[in-house]
């Protein structure tokens, strides 16, 4: 029978480091240099592959350029660029900056993103409703309940009509 030891996610058993962690420390000792100053870090070896910074993709799904173009002709590439932007880039846009300035508390990144999309796609604002199971659905108001638009539901963006979502989830 296999016995599980109480190993934490940091590779330690209680207060003592595991063999795997010690082996890592010995192997990468030159990379783990620390400055003598308690608050200043030394950049170890700039050209080493362990020190490269990778830019991660957004952690949500967004519609393709073709599907955005089918609903908002001529604006697919610009809208997809907004979906790929980080918060600082969104705040540098005029609509994002205006949204941040008008809020007393900092708005969420998705809220700033929707306001930037609203300005780009020239819709009639952002609206939201709650489904029967408690899920919030945010969408760009195109003026028609069953016209396809950009909808944010469960943290993901899609092209759909908010009326169909409301009917299928029982909120109308």
C-alpha atoms as a PDB file:
ATOM      1  CA  UNK A   1       0.000   0.000   0.000  1.00  0.00           C
ATOM      2  CA  UNK A   2       1.273   3.443  -0.935  1.00  0.00           C
ATOM      3  CA  UNK A   3       1.826   5.850   1.915  1.00  0.00           C
ATOM      4  CA  UNK A   4       1.395   9.579   1.330  1.00  0.00           C
ATOM      5  CA  UNK A   5       3.719  11.865   3.210  1.00  0.00           C
ATOM      6  CA  UNK A   6       2.527  15.290   4.360  1.00  0.00           C
ATOM      7  CA  UNK A   7       4.486  17.274   1.758  1.00  0.00           C
ATOM      8  CA  UNK A   8       3.392  20.843   1.254  1.00  0.00           C
ATOM      9  CA  UNK A   9       3.243  22.451  -2.152  1.00  0.00           C
ATOM     10  CA  UNK A  10       6.586  24.112  -1.424  1.00  0.00           C
ATOM     11  CA  UNK A  11       8.309  20.735  -1.210  1.00  0.00           C
ATOM     12  CA  UNK A  12       8.733  20.673   2.545  1.00  0.00           C
ATOM     13  CA  UNK A  13       7.738  18.250   5.251  1.00  0.00           C
ATOM     14  CA  UNK A  14       7.014  20.296   8.314  1.00  0.00           C
ATOM     15  CA  UNK A  15       9.914  22.697   8.764  1.00  0.00           C
ATOM     16  CA  UNK A  16      12.529  20.750   6.801  1.00  0.00           C
ATOM     17  CA  UNK A  17      13.011  21.151   3.040  1.00  0.00           C
ATOM     18  CA  UNK A  18      12.645  18.082   0.880  1.00  0.00           C
ATOM     19  CA  UNK A  19      15.474  16.519  -1.085  1.00  0.00           C
ATOM     20  CA  UNK A  20      13.988  17.826  -4.337  1.00  0.00           C
ATOM     21  CA  UNK A  21      14.051  21.414  -3.090  1.00  0.00           C
ATOM     22  CA  UNK A  22      17.617  21.049  -1.809  1.00  0.00           C
ATOM     23  CA  UNK A  23      18.703  19.624  -5.156  1.00  0.00           C
ATOM     24  CA  UNK A  24      17.081  22.629  -6.920  1.00  0.00           C
ATOM     25  CA  UNK A  25      18.861  25.061  -4.601  1.00  0.00           C
ATOM     26  CA  UNK A  26      22.221  23.408  -5.213  1.00  0.00           C
ATOM     27  CA  UNK A  27      21.711  23.246  -8.969  1.00  0.00           C
ATOM     28  CA  UNK A  28      20.664  26.884  -9.362  1.00  0.00           C
ATOM     29  CA  UNK A  29      22.809  28.425  -6.642  1.00  0.00           C
ATOM     30  CA  UNK A  30      24.435  30.921  -9.066  1.00  0.00           C
ATOM     31  CA  UNK A  31      20.971  32.098 -10.120  1.00  0.00           C
ATOM     32  CA  UNK A  32      19.755  32.637  -6.565  1.00  0.00           C
ATOM     33  CA  UNK A  33      22.168  35.425  -5.629  1.00  0.00           C
ATOM     34  CA  UNK A  34      20.767  37.953  -3.228  1.00  0.00           C
ATOM     35  CA  UNK A  35      21.996  41.425  -2.509  1.00  0.00           C
ATOM     36  CA  UNK A  36      23.367  42.272   0.914  1.00  0.00           C
ATOM     37  CA  UNK A  37      20.748  45.007   1.116  1.00  0.00           C
ATOM     38  CA  UNK A  38      17.479  43.586   2.515  1.00  0.00           C
ATOM     39  CA  UNK A  39      15.165  45.414   0.062  1.00  0.00           C
ATOM     40  CA  UNK A  40      17.282  45.471  -3.086  1.00  0.00           C
ATOM     41  CA  UNK A  41      17.306  42.477  -5.415  1.00  0.00           C
ATOM     42  CA  UNK A  42      20.108  41.681  -7.805  1.00  0.00           C
ATOM     43  CA  UNK A  43      19.213  40.621 -11.312  1.00  0.00           C
ATOM     44  CA  UNK A  44      21.245  37.385 -11.447  1.00  0.00           C
ATOM     45  CA  UNK A  45      22.195  36.529 -15.033  1.00  0.00           C
ATOM     46  CA  UNK A  46      20.184  38.581 -17.552  1.00  0.00           C
ATOM     47  CA  UNK A  47      20.756  36.279 -20.530  1.00  0.00           C
ATOM     48  CA  UNK A  48      19.804  33.066 -18.717  1.00  0.00           C
ATOM     49  CA  UNK A  49      16.557  31.427 -19.994  1.00  0.00           C
ATOM     50  CA  UNK A  50      15.237  31.122 -16.435  1.00  0.00           C
ATOM     51  CA  UNK A  51      15.175  34.926 -16.222  1.00  0.00           C
ATOM     52  CA  UNK A  52      13.128  35.632 -19.331  1.00  0.00           C
ATOM     53  CA  UNK A  53       9.705  37.155 -18.797  1.00  0.00           C
ATOM     54  CA  UNK A  54       6.863  35.677 -20.782  1.00  0.00           C
ATOM     55  CA  UNK A  55       3.721  37.653 -21.465  1.00  0.00           C
ATOM     56  CA  UNK A  56       0.733  35.481 -20.729  1.00  0.00           C
ATOM     57  CA  UNK A  57      -2.385  35.462 -22.836  1.00  0.00           C
ATOM     58  CA  UNK A  58      -5.631  36.710 -21.322  1.00  0.00           C
ATOM     59  CA  UNK A  59      -7.402  34.117 -19.188  1.00  0.00           C
ATOM     60  CA  UNK A  60     -10.724  34.433 -20.944  1.00  0.00           C
ATOM     61  CA  UNK A  61     -12.182  33.485 -24.286  1.00  0.00           C
ATOM     62  CA  UNK A  62     -13.072  36.161 -26.779  1.00  0.00           C
ATOM     63  CA  UNK A  63     -14.784  36.090 -30.166  1.00  0.00           C
ATOM     64  CA  UNK A  64     -12.741  35.726 -33.337  1.00  0.00           C
ATOM     65  CA  UNK A  65     -12.090  38.612 -35.712  1.00  0.00           C
ATOM     66  CA  UNK A  66     -14.392  37.012 -38.293  1.00  0.00           C
ATOM     67  CA  UNK A  67     -17.316  36.720 -35.866  1.00  0.00           C
ATOM     68  CA  UNK A  68     -16.850  40.328 -34.710  1.00  0.00           C
ATOM     69  CA  UNK A  69     -16.689  41.452 -38.358  1.00  0.00           C
ATOM     70  CA  UNK A  70     -19.976  39.665 -39.076  1.00  0.00           C
ATOM     71  CA  UNK A  71     -21.774  41.788 -36.463  1.00  0.00           C
ATOM     72  CA  UNK A  72     -19.723  45.010 -36.555  1.00  0.00           C
ATOM     73  CA  UNK A  73     -18.294  45.323 -40.108  1.00  0.00           C
ATOM     74  CA  UNK A  74     -14.846  46.885 -40.404  1.00  0.00           C
ATOM     75  CA  UNK A  75     -14.131  46.879 -36.669  1.00  0.00           C
ATOM     76  CA  UNK A  76     -13.034  43.284 -36.001  1.00  0.00           C
ATOM     77  CA  UNK A  77      -9.284  43.805 -35.790  1.00  0.00           C
ATOM     78  CA  UNK A  78      -9.558  46.848 -33.524  1.00  0.00           C
ATOM     79  CA  UNK A  79     -12.023  45.041 -31.230  1.00  0.00           C
ATOM     80  CA  UNK A  80      -9.775  41.971 -31.041  1.00  0.00           C
ATOM     81  CA  UNK A  81      -6.881  44.265 -30.150  1.00  0.00           C
ATOM     82  CA  UNK A  82      -8.938  45.623 -27.234  1.00  0.00           C
ATOM     83  CA  UNK A  83      -9.595  42.060 -26.055  1.00  0.00           C
ATOM     84  CA  UNK A  84      -5.834  41.417 -26.017  1.00  0.00           C
ATOM     85  CA  UNK A  85      -4.909  44.595 -24.123  1.00  0.00           C
ATOM     86  CA  UNK A  86      -3.769  44.693 -20.532  1.00  0.00           C
ATOM     87  CA  UNK A  87      -5.376  47.063 -18.042  1.00  0.00           C
ATOM     88  CA  UNK A  88      -2.694  49.744 -18.401  1.00  0.00           C
ATOM     89  CA  UNK A  89      -3.200  49.747 -22.170  1.00  0.00           C
ATOM     90  CA  UNK A  90      -6.973  49.951 -21.746  1.00  0.00           C
ATOM     91  CA  UNK A  91      -6.581  52.925 -19.410  1.00  0.00           C
ATOM     92  CA  UNK A  92      -4.478  54.719 -22.026  1.00  0.00           C
ATOM     93  CA  UNK A  93      -7.441  54.714 -24.442  1.00  0.00           C
ATOM     94  CA  UNK A  94      -9.766  57.751 -24.162  1.00  0.00           C
ATOM     95  CA  UNK A  95     -12.818  55.652 -23.214  1.00  0.00           C
ATOM     96  CA  UNK A  96     -10.856  53.648 -20.636  1.00  0.00           C
ATOM     97  CA  UNK A  97      -9.377  56.764 -19.089  1.00  0.00           C
ATOM     98  CA  UNK A  98     -12.822  58.391 -18.918  1.00  0.00           C
ATOM     99  CA  UNK A  99     -14.278  55.319 -17.201  1.00  0.00           C
ATOM    100  CA  UNK A 100     -11.522  55.200 -14.585  1.00  0.00           C
ATOM    101  CA  UNK A 101     -11.863  58.936 -13.880  1.00  0.00           C
ATOM    102  CA  UNK A 102     -15.639  58.828 -13.436  1.00  0.00           C
ATOM    103  CA  UNK A 103     -15.566  56.026 -10.838  1.00  0.00           C
ATOM    104  CA  UNK A 104     -14.843  56.682  -7.183  1.00  0.00           C
ATOM    105  CA  UNK A 105     -13.569  53.099  -6.694  1.00  0.00           C
ATOM    106  CA  UNK A 106     -11.410  51.540  -9.383  1.00  0.00           C
ATOM    107  CA  UNK A 107     -13.587  49.663 -11.901  1.00  0.00           C
ATOM    108  CA  UNK A 108     -12.769  46.093 -12.856  1.00  0.00           C
ATOM    109  CA  UNK A 109     -10.683  45.420 -15.940  1.00  0.00           C
ATOM    110  CA  UNK A 110     -13.656  43.794 -17.661  1.00  0.00           C
ATOM    111  CA  UNK A 111     -15.706  46.941 -17.036  1.00  0.00           C
ATOM    112  CA  UNK A 112     -13.011  49.148 -18.569  1.00  0.00           C
ATOM    113  CA  UNK A 113     -12.708  46.711 -21.505  1.00  0.00           C
ATOM    114  CA  UNK A 114     -16.462  46.812 -22.148  1.00  0.00           C
ATOM    115  CA  UNK A 115     -16.463  50.624 -22.080  1.00  0.00           C
ATOM    116  CA  UNK A 116     -13.602  50.709 -24.602  1.00  0.00           C
ATOM    117  CA  UNK A 117     -15.516  48.276 -26.826  1.00  0.00           C
ATOM    118  CA  UNK A 118     -18.655  50.382 -26.421  1.00  0.00           C
ATOM    119  CA  UNK A 119     -16.815  53.467 -27.662  1.00  0.00           C
ATOM    120  CA  UNK A 120     -15.214  51.608 -30.566  1.00  0.00           C
ATOM    121  CA  UNK A 121     -18.337  49.800 -31.752  1.00  0.00           C
ATOM    122  CA  UNK A 122     -20.608  52.815 -31.175  1.00  0.00           C
ATOM    123  CA  UNK A 123     -23.255  50.924 -29.225  1.00  0.00           C
ATOM    124  CA  UNK A 124     -25.672  52.457 -26.727  1.00  0.00           C
ATOM    125  CA  UNK A 125     -23.912  51.680 -23.482  1.00  0.00           C
ATOM    126  CA  UNK A 126     -23.377  48.652 -21.297  1.00  0.00           C
ATOM    127  CA  UNK A 127     -26.214  46.900 -19.542  1.00  0.00           C
ATOM    128  CA  UNK A 128     -26.452  43.833 -17.354  1.00  0.00           C
ATOM    129  CA  UNK A 129     -28.977  41.402 -15.962  1.00  0.00           C
ATOM    130  CA  UNK A 130     -28.902  38.457 -13.591  1.00  0.00           C
ATOM    131  CA  UNK A 131     -30.098  35.006 -14.586  1.00  0.00           C
ATOM    132  CA  UNK A 132     -32.176  32.767 -12.377  1.00  0.00           C
ATOM    133  CA  UNK A 133     -29.096  30.854 -11.179  1.00  0.00           C
ATOM    134  CA  UNK A 134     -27.366  34.098 -10.108  1.00  0.00           C
ATOM    135  CA  UNK A 135     -24.997  34.550 -13.056  1.00  0.00           C
ATOM    136  CA  UNK A 136     -24.508  38.140 -14.175  1.00  0.00           C
ATOM    137  CA  UNK A 137     -24.587  38.808 -17.907  1.00  0.00           C
ATOM    138  CA  UNK A 138     -23.117  42.068 -19.246  1.00  0.00           C
ATOM    139  CA  UNK A 139     -23.657  43.106 -22.843  1.00  0.00           C
ATOM    140  CA  UNK A 140     -23.221  45.994 -25.242  1.00  0.00           C
ATOM    141  CA  UNK A 141     -26.643  47.444 -25.962  1.00  0.00           C
ATOM    142  CA  UNK A 142     -27.286  47.530 -29.717  1.00  0.00           C
ATOM    143  CA  UNK A 143     -30.873  48.701 -29.363  1.00  0.00           C
ATOM    144  CA  UNK A 144     -32.493  45.360 -30.248  1.00  0.00           C
ATOM    145  CA  UNK A 145     -33.060  42.505 -27.822  1.00  0.00           C
ATOM    146  CA  UNK A 146     -32.349  39.790 -30.399  1.00  0.00           C
ATOM    147  CA  UNK A 147     -29.572  41.492 -32.398  1.00  0.00           C
ATOM    148  CA  UNK A 148     -26.187  39.817 -31.903  1.00  0.00           C
ATOM    149  CA  UNK A 149     -23.792  41.776 -29.731  1.00  0.00           C
ATOM    150  CA  UNK A 150     -20.782  41.210 -27.470  1.00  0.00           C
ATOM    151  CA  UNK A 151     -21.867  39.487 -24.277  1.00  0.00           C
ATOM    152  CA  UNK A 152     -19.778  38.759 -21.169  1.00  0.00           C
ATOM    153  CA  UNK A 153     -21.001  35.773 -19.189  1.00  0.00           C
ATOM    154  CA  UNK A 154     -19.070  33.627 -16.693  1.00  0.00           C
ATOM    155  CA  UNK A 155     -15.942  35.657 -17.365  1.00  0.00           C
ATOM    156  CA  UNK A 156     -15.897  34.916 -21.104  1.00  0.00           C
ATOM    157  CA  UNK A 157     -16.868  37.086 -24.045  1.00  0.00           C
ATOM    158  CA  UNK A 158     -18.981  35.850 -26.954  1.00  0.00           C
ATOM    159  CA  UNK A 159     -21.171  37.063 -29.784  1.00  0.00           C
ATOM    160  CA  UNK A 160     -24.813  36.391 -28.940  1.00  0.00           C
ATOM    161  CA  UNK A 161     -28.094  38.173 -28.435  1.00  0.00           C
ATOM    162  CA  UNK A 162     -28.857  38.935 -24.834  1.00  0.00           C
ATOM    163  CA  UNK A 163     -32.527  38.117 -25.375  1.00  0.00           C
ATOM    164  CA  UNK A 164     -31.709  34.501 -26.283  1.00  0.00           C
ATOM    165  CA  UNK A 165     -29.507  34.149 -23.193  1.00  0.00           C
ATOM    166  CA  UNK A 166     -32.204  35.645 -20.968  1.00  0.00           C
ATOM    167  CA  UNK A 167     -34.845  33.274 -22.351  1.00  0.00           C
ATOM    168  CA  UNK A 168     -32.695  30.159 -22.138  1.00  0.00           C
ATOM    169  CA  UNK A 169     -31.576  30.921 -18.568  1.00  0.00           C
ATOM    170  CA  UNK A 170     -34.991  31.976 -17.363  1.00  0.00           C
ATOM    171  CA  UNK A 171     -34.582  35.590 -16.410  1.00  0.00           C
ATOM    172  CA  UNK A 172     -37.267  37.131 -18.638  1.00  0.00           C
END
